[in-house]
PDB file of N, CA and C in Angstrom:
ATOM      1  N   MET A   1     -25.281  -7.669  58.700  1.00  0.00           N
ATOM      2  CA  MET A   1     -24.592  -7.416  58.653  1.00  0.00           C
ATOM      3  C   MET A   1     -23.091  -7.816  57.652  1.00  0.00           C
ATOM      4  N   THR A   2     -22.081  -6.888  57.766  1.00  0.00           N
ATOM      5  CA  THR A   2     -20.932  -7.873  57.004  1.00  0.00           C
ATOM      6  C   THR A   2     -20.055  -9.791  57.364  1.00  0.00           C
ATOM      7  N   PRO A   3     -19.928 -10.409  56.185  1.00  0.00           N
ATOM      8  CA  PRO A   3     -18.817 -11.428  56.788  1.00  0.00           C
ATOM      9  C   PRO A   3     -17.840 -10.832  58.110  1.00  0.00           C
ATOM     10  N   MET A   4     -17.287  -9.787  57.875  1.00  0.00           N
ATOM     11  CA  MET A   4     -15.904  -8.889  58.613  1.00  0.00           C
ATOM     12  C   MET A   4     -16.314  -9.021  59.486  1.00  0.00           C
ATOM     13  N   SER A   5     -18.111  -8.625  60.598  1.00  0.00           N
ATOM     14  CA  SER A   5     -18.180  -7.740  61.521  1.00  0.00           C
ATOM     15  C   SER A   5     -19.225  -9.297  62.467  1.00  0.00           C
ATOM     16  N   HIS A   6     -18.950 -10.279  61.506  1.00  0.00           N
ATOM     17  CA  HIS A   6     -19.440 -11.742  62.085  1.00  0.00           C
ATOM     18  C   HIS A   6     -18.643 -11.899  62.518  1.00  0.00           C
ATOM     19  N   ARG A   7     -17.356 -12.514  61.422  1.00  0.00           N
ATOM     20  CA  ARG A   7     -15.917 -12.530  62.795  1.00  0.00           C
ATOM     21  C   ARG A   7     -15.575 -11.775  63.363  1.00  0.00           C
ATOM     22  N   GLY A   8     -15.972 -10.531  63.382  1.00  0.00           N
ATOM     23  CA  GLY A   8     -15.485  -9.854  65.131  1.00  0.00           C
ATOM     24  C   GLY A   8     -16.063 -10.684  65.605  1.00  0.00           C
ATOM     25  N   LEU A   9     -17.789 -10.214  65.391  1.00  0.00           N
ATOM     26  CA  LEU A   9     -19.227 -10.796  66.878  1.00  0.00           C
ATOM     27  C   LEU A   9     -18.117 -11.891  67.622  1.00  0.00           C
ATOM     28  N   PHE A  10     -17.879 -12.792  67.161  1.00  0.00           N
ATOM     29  CA  PHE A  10     -17.698 -14.775  67.053  1.00  0.00           C
ATOM     30  C   PHE A  10     -16.264 -14.076  67.948  1.00  0.00           C
ATOM     31  N   LEU A  11     -15.164 -13.273  67.482  1.00  0.00           N
ATOM     32  CA  LEU A  11     -14.320 -13.640  68.253  1.00  0.00           C
ATOM     33  C   LEU A  11     -13.899 -12.435  68.999  1.00  0.00           C
ATOM     34  N   SER A  12     -14.984 -11.981  68.983  1.00  0.00           N
ATOM     35  CA  SER A  12     -15.266 -11.509  70.108  1.00  0.00           C
ATOM     36  C   SER A  12     -16.159 -11.688  71.858  1.00  0.00           C
ATOM     37  N   ALA A  13     -17.159 -12.640  71.097  1.00  0.00           N
ATOM     38  CA  ALA A  13     -17.542 -13.974  72.285  1.00  0.00           C
ATOM     39  C   ALA A  13     -17.051 -14.821  73.113  1.00  0.00           C
ATOM     40  N   ALA A  14     -15.995 -14.971  71.738  1.00  0.00           N
ATOM     41  CA  ALA A  14     -14.860 -16.705  71.386  1.00  0.00           C
ATOM     42  C   ALA A  14     -13.444 -15.517  73.017  1.00  0.00           C
ATOM     43  N   TRP A  15     -13.023 -14.705  73.221  1.00  0.00           N
ATOM     44  CA  TRP A  15     -12.190 -14.233  73.763  1.00  0.00           C
ATOM     45  C   TRP A  15     -13.298 -13.824  75.607  1.00  0.00           C
ATOM     46  N   PHE A  16     -14.027 -13.483  75.400  1.00  0.00           N
ATOM     47  CA  PHE A  16     -15.534 -13.029  76.246  1.00  0.00           C
ATOM     48  C   PHE A  16     -15.008 -14.779  76.936  1.00  0.00           C
ATOM     49  N   ASN A  17     -16.225 -15.652  76.145  1.00  0.00           N
ATOM     50  CA  ASN A  17     -15.817 -16.330  77.082  1.00  0.00           C
ATOM     51  C   ASN A  17     -14.649 -17.679  77.737  1.00  0.00           C
ATOM     52  N   ILE A  18     -13.741 -17.809  76.953  1.00  0.00           N
ATOM     53  CA  ILE A  18     -12.488 -17.819  78.122  1.00  0.00           C
ATOM     54  C   ILE A  18     -12.095 -17.195  78.756  1.00  0.00           C
ATOM     55  N   LEU A  19     -11.923 -16.107  79.013  1.00  0.00           N
ATOM     56  CA  LEU A  19     -11.481 -15.222  80.111  1.00  0.00           C
ATOM     57  C   LEU A  19     -12.195 -15.322  81.189  1.00  0.00           C
ATOM     58  N   VAL A  20     -13.174 -15.300  81.150  1.00  0.00           N
ATOM     59  CA  VAL A  20     -14.425 -15.867  82.119  1.00  0.00           C
ATOM     60  C   VAL A  20     -14.594 -17.588  82.911  1.00  0.00           C
ATOM     61  N   GLY A  21     -14.474 -17.987  81.576  1.00  0.00           N
ATOM     62  CA  GLY A  21     -13.700 -19.531  82.526  1.00  0.00           C
ATOM     63  C   GLY A  21     -12.824 -19.685  82.896  1.00  0.00           C
ATOM     64  N   LEU A  22     -11.448 -19.599  81.942  1.00  0.00           N
ATOM     65  CA  LEU A  22     -10.391 -19.711  83.146  1.00  0.00           C
ATOM     66  C   LEU A  22     -10.667 -18.715  84.206  1.00  0.00           C
ATOM     67  N   SER A  23     -10.694 -17.306  84.665  1.00  0.00           N
ATOM     68  CA  SER A  23     -10.842 -16.896  85.495  1.00  0.00           C
ATOM     69  C   SER A  23     -11.603 -18.476  87.077  1.00  0.00           C
ATOM     70  N   PHE A  24     -12.716 -18.145  86.585  1.00  0.00           N
ATOM     71  CA  PHE A  24     -13.331 -19.152  87.385  1.00  0.00           C
ATOM     72  C   PHE A  24     -12.798 -20.181  87.249  1.00  0.00           C
ATOM     73  N   ILE A  25     -11.545 -20.979  86.595  1.00  0.00           N
ATOM     74  CA  ILE A  25     -11.316 -22.418  86.763  1.00  0.00           C
ATOM     75  C   ILE A  25      -9.943 -21.712  87.621  1.00  0.00           C
ATOM     76  N   VAL A  26      -8.993 -21.002  87.104  1.00  0.00           N
ATOM     77  CA  VAL A  26      -7.269 -21.447  87.958  1.00  0.00           C
ATOM     78  C   VAL A  26      -8.227 -20.066  89.666  1.00  0.00           C
ATOM     79  N   ALA A  27      -9.039 -19.178  89.643  1.00  0.00           N
ATOM     80  CA  ALA A  27      -9.161 -18.426  90.337  1.00  0.00           C
ATOM     81  C   ALA A  27      -9.618 -18.417  90.943  1.00  0.00           C
ATOM     82  N   MET A  28     -11.090 -18.535  91.182  1.00  0.00           N
ATOM     83  CA  MET A  28     -12.511 -19.234  91.888  1.00  0.00           C
ATOM     84  C   MET A  28     -13.016 -18.102  92.715  1.00  0.00           C
ATOM     85  N   ASN A  29     -12.047 -18.666  94.292  1.00  0.00           N
ATOM     86  CA  ASN A  29     -12.376 -18.196  95.236  1.00  0.00           C
ATOM     87  C   ASN A  29     -12.469 -16.471  94.607  1.00  0.00           C
ATOM     88  N   THR A  30     -11.772 -16.845  94.270  1.00  0.00           N
ATOM     89  CA  THR A  30     -10.983 -14.919  94.459  1.00  0.00           C
ATOM     90  C   THR A  30     -12.118 -14.297  93.383  1.00  0.00           C
ATOM     91  N   VAL A  31     -12.625 -14.635  92.212  1.00  0.00           N
ATOM     92  CA  VAL A  31     -13.648 -14.306  91.067  1.00  0.00           C
ATOM     93  C   VAL A  31     -15.277 -14.348  92.006  1.00  0.00           C
ATOM     94  N   ALA A  32     -15.633 -15.474  92.865  1.00  0.00           N
ATOM     95  CA  ALA A  32     -16.818 -15.925  93.699  1.00  0.00           C
ATOM     96  C   ALA A  32     -16.853 -14.635  94.817  1.00  0.00           C
ATOM     97  N   GLY A  33     -15.474 -14.529  95.260  1.00  0.00           N
ATOM     98  CA  GLY A  33     -15.543 -12.867  96.378  1.00  0.00           C
ATOM     99  C   GLY A  33     -15.827 -11.645  95.366  1.00  0.00           C
ATOM    100  N   LEU A  34     -15.514 -11.211  94.398  1.00  0.00           N
ATOM    101  CA  LEU A  34     -15.823 -10.399  93.884  1.00  0.00           C
ATOM    102  C   LEU A  34     -17.145 -10.488  93.238  1.00  0.00           C
ATOM    103  N   THR A  35     -17.628 -11.782  92.824  1.00  0.00           N
ATOM    104  CA  THR A  35     -19.205 -11.554  92.162  1.00  0.00           C
ATOM    105  C   THR A  35     -20.167 -11.283  93.516  1.00  0.00           C
ATOM    106  N   GLY A  36     -20.064 -12.601  94.637  1.00  0.00           N
ATOM    107  CA  GLY A  36     -20.686 -12.266  95.944  1.00  0.00           C
ATOM    108  C   GLY A  36     -21.502 -13.795  95.988  1.00  0.00           C
ATOM    109  N   LEU A  37     -20.792 -14.668  95.149  1.00  0.00           N
ATOM    110  CA  LEU A  37     -21.123 -16.139  94.908  1.00  0.00           C
ATOM    111  C   LEU A  37     -20.763 -17.502  96.799  1.00  0.00           C
ATOM    112  N   GLN A  38     -21.508 -17.490  96.807  1.00  0.00           N
ATOM    113  CA  GLN A  38     -21.517 -18.451  98.063  1.00  0.00           C
ATOM    114  C   GLN A  38     -20.537 -19.599  98.278  1.00  0.00           C
ATOM    115  N   ILE A  39     -19.599 -19.777  98.434  1.00  0.00           N
ATOM    116  CA  ILE A  39     -18.596 -21.163  98.137  1.00  0.00           C
ATOM    117  C   ILE A  39     -18.607 -22.048  99.008  1.00  0.00           C
ATOM    118  N   ASN A  40     -19.446 -23.359  98.503  1.00  0.00           N
ATOM    119  CA  ASN A  40     -19.537 -24.975  99.121  1.00  0.00           C
ATOM    120  C   ASN A  40     -18.536 -25.660  98.401  1.00  0.00           C
ATOM    121  N   PRO A  41     -18.275 -26.847  98.786  1.00  0.00           N
ATOM    122  CA  PRO A  41     -17.978 -28.355  98.571  1.00  0.00           C
ATOM    123  C   PRO A  41     -19.252 -28.078  96.978  1.00  0.00           C
ATOM    124  N   THR A  42     -19.968 -28.270  97.465  1.00  0.00           N
ATOM    125  CA  THR A  42     -21.016 -28.674  96.074  1.00  0.00           C
ATOM    126  C   THR A  42     -21.174 -27.715  94.920  1.00  0.00           C
ATOM    127  N   ALA A  43     -20.833 -26.681  95.869  1.00  0.00           N
ATOM    128  CA  ALA A  43     -20.858 -24.861  95.108  1.00  0.00           C
ATOM    129  C   ALA A  43     -20.071 -24.849  93.988  1.00  0.00           C
ATOM    130  N   ALA A  44     -18.906 -25.990  94.373  1.00  0.00           N
ATOM    131  CA  ALA A  44     -17.278 -25.389  93.511  1.00  0.00           C
ATOM    132  C   ALA A  44     -17.539 -25.986  92.428  1.00  0.00           C
ATOM    133  N   MET A  45     -17.655 -27.486  92.017  1.00  0.00           N
ATOM    134  CA  MET A  45     -18.106 -28.657  91.626  1.00  0.00           C
ATOM    135  C   MET A  45     -18.675 -27.551  90.682  1.00  0.00           C
ATOM    136  N   PHE A  46     -20.442 -27.117  90.743  1.00  0.00           N
ATOM    137  CA  PHE A  46     -20.729 -26.997  90.084  1.00  0.00           C
ATOM    138  C   PHE A  46     -20.158 -25.852  89.242  1.00  0.00           C
ATOM    139  N   ILE A  47     -19.513 -24.860  89.895  1.00  0.00           N
ATOM    140  CA  ILE A  47     -19.506 -23.626  89.235  1.00  0.00           C
ATOM    141  C   ILE A  47     -17.726 -24.154  88.020  1.00  0.00           C
ATOM    142  N   GLN A  48     -16.830 -25.074  88.344  1.00  0.00           N
ATOM    143  CA  GLN A  48     -15.902 -25.580  87.813  1.00  0.00           C
ATOM    144  C   GLN A  48     -16.734 -26.882  86.425  1.00  0.00           C
ATOM    145  N   ILE A  49     -17.298 -26.946  86.542  1.00  0.00           N
ATOM    146  CA  ILE A  49     -18.562 -27.804  85.576  1.00  0.00           C
ATOM    147  C   ILE A  49     -18.749 -26.484  83.968  1.00  0.00           C
ATOM    148  N   THR A  50     -19.426 -25.907  84.875  1.00  0.00           N
ATOM    149  CA  THR A  50     -19.766 -24.884  84.186  1.00  0.00           C
ATOM    150  C   THR A  50     -19.005 -23.822  82.934  1.00  0.00           C
ATOM    151  N   ALA A  51     -17.661 -23.352  84.427  1.00  0.00           N
ATOM    152  CA  ALA A  51     -16.348 -23.042  83.568  1.00  0.00           C
ATOM    153  C   ALA A  51     -16.097 -23.070  82.724  1.00  0.00           C
ATOM    154  N   GLY A  52     -15.912 -25.010  83.014  1.00  0.00           N
ATOM    155  CA  GLY A  52     -15.860 -25.376  81.846  1.00  0.00           C
ATOM    156  C   GLY A  52     -16.074 -25.551  80.742  1.00  0.00           C
ATOM    157  N   LEU A  53     -17.651 -25.173  81.067  1.00  0.00           N
ATOM    158  CA  LEU A  53     -18.817 -25.443  79.402  1.00  0.00           C
ATOM    159  C   LEU A  53     -18.634 -24.328  78.860  1.00  0.00           C
ATOM    160  N   ILE A  54     -18.076 -23.045  79.718  1.00  0.00           N
ATOM    161  CA  ILE A  54     -17.813 -21.219  79.645  1.00  0.00           C
ATOM    162  C   ILE A  54     -16.327 -21.262  78.501  1.00  0.00           C
ATOM    163  N   VAL A  55     -15.842 -22.346  78.770  1.00  0.00           N
ATOM    164  CA  VAL A  55     -14.609 -22.458  77.747  1.00  0.00           C
ATOM    165  C   VAL A  55     -14.469 -23.141  76.914  1.00  0.00           C
ATOM    166  N   ALA A  56     -15.076 -24.366  76.682  1.00  0.00           N
ATOM    167  CA  ALA A  56     -15.820 -24.783  75.290  1.00  0.00           C
ATOM    168  C   ALA A  56     -16.219 -24.090  74.197  1.00  0.00           C
ATOM    169  N   PHE A  57     -17.759 -23.559  74.973  1.00  0.00           N
ATOM    170  CA  PHE A  57     -18.674 -22.479  73.946  1.00  0.00           C
ATOM    171  C   PHE A  57     -17.389 -21.175  73.782  1.00  0.00           C
ATOM    172  N   GLY A  58     -16.354 -20.525  74.110  1.00  0.00           N
ATOM    173  CA  GLY A  58     -15.247 -19.733  74.436  1.00  0.00           C
ATOM    174  C   GLY A  58     -14.970 -20.440  72.888  1.00  0.00           C
ATOM    175  N   ILE A  59     -14.004 -22.318  72.614  1.00  0.00           N
ATOM    176  CA  ILE A  59     -13.206 -22.374  71.749  1.00  0.00           C
ATOM    177  C   ILE A  59     -14.160 -22.572  70.515  1.00  0.00           C
ATOM    178  N   ALA A  60     -15.548 -22.846  70.442  1.00  0.00           N
ATOM    179  CA  ALA A  60     -16.328 -23.223  69.341  1.00  0.00           C
ATOM    180  C   ALA A  60     -16.823 -22.029  69.152  1.00  0.00           C
ATOM    181  N   TYR A  61     -17.324 -20.868  69.573  1.00  0.00           N
ATOM    182  CA  TYR A  61     -17.070 -19.536  68.858  1.00  0.00           C
ATOM    183  C   TYR A  61     -16.231 -18.949  67.996  1.00  0.00           C
ATOM    184  N   ALA A  62     -14.174 -19.443  68.183  1.00  0.00           N
ATOM    185  CA  ALA A  62     -13.860 -18.991  67.712  1.00  0.00           C
ATOM    186  C   ALA A  62     -13.305 -19.563  67.138  1.00  0.00           C
ATOM    187  N   LEU A  63     -12.947 -21.216  67.145  1.00  0.00           N
ATOM    188  CA  LEU A  63     -13.738 -22.016  65.421  1.00  0.00           C
ATOM    189  C   LEU A  63     -14.663 -20.962  64.699  1.00  0.00           C
ATOM    190  N   VAL A  64     -15.606 -21.179  65.035  1.00  0.00           N
ATOM    191  CA  VAL A  64     -16.439 -20.476  64.618  1.00  0.00           C
ATOM    192  C   VAL A  64     -16.109 -19.085  63.693  1.00  0.00           C
ATOM    193  N   ALA A  65     -15.679 -18.408  64.633  1.00  0.00           N
ATOM    194  CA  ALA A  65     -14.815 -17.012  63.970  1.00  0.00           C
ATOM    195  C   ALA A  65     -13.657 -17.497  62.814  1.00  0.00           C
ATOM    196  N   ARG A  66     -13.412 -17.724  62.204  1.00  0.00           N
ATOM    197  CA  ARG A  66     -12.188 -18.720  61.540  1.00  0.00           C
ATOM    198  C   ARG A  66     -12.637 -18.692  59.991  1.00  0.00           C
ATOM    199  N   ASP A  67     -14.273 -18.604  59.882  1.00  0.00           N
ATOM    200  CA  ASP A  67     -14.406 -18.931  59.444  1.00  0.00           C
ATOM    201  C   ASP A  67     -16.181 -19.176  59.461  1.00  0.00           C
ATOM    202  N   PRO A  68     -16.772 -18.075  59.640  1.00  0.00           N
ATOM    203  CA  PRO A  68     -18.480 -17.349  59.597  1.00  0.00           C
ATOM    204  C   PRO A  68     -19.537 -17.922  58.660  1.00  0.00           C
ATOM    205  N   VAL A  69     -19.328 -18.303  57.169  1.00  0.00           N
ATOM    206  CA  VAL A  69     -20.638 -17.819  56.828  1.00  0.00           C
ATOM    207  C   VAL A  69     -20.390 -19.532  56.111  1.00  0.00           C
TER     208      VAL A  69
END
């Protein structure tokens, strides 16, 4: 793979992770209903923590995409 294809790979992964993580943070009940997740207070806490980590990985992928080599 060329460095430009690495950049595209990491950039697409960054956008995907950020969009999925933010959608769970902002509209958790709507997204959970679409994906079939059962929401209770404990599950909501773990979903929000996991969504935050997904966003953090998205930011990390975006930083890697800036200079992939």
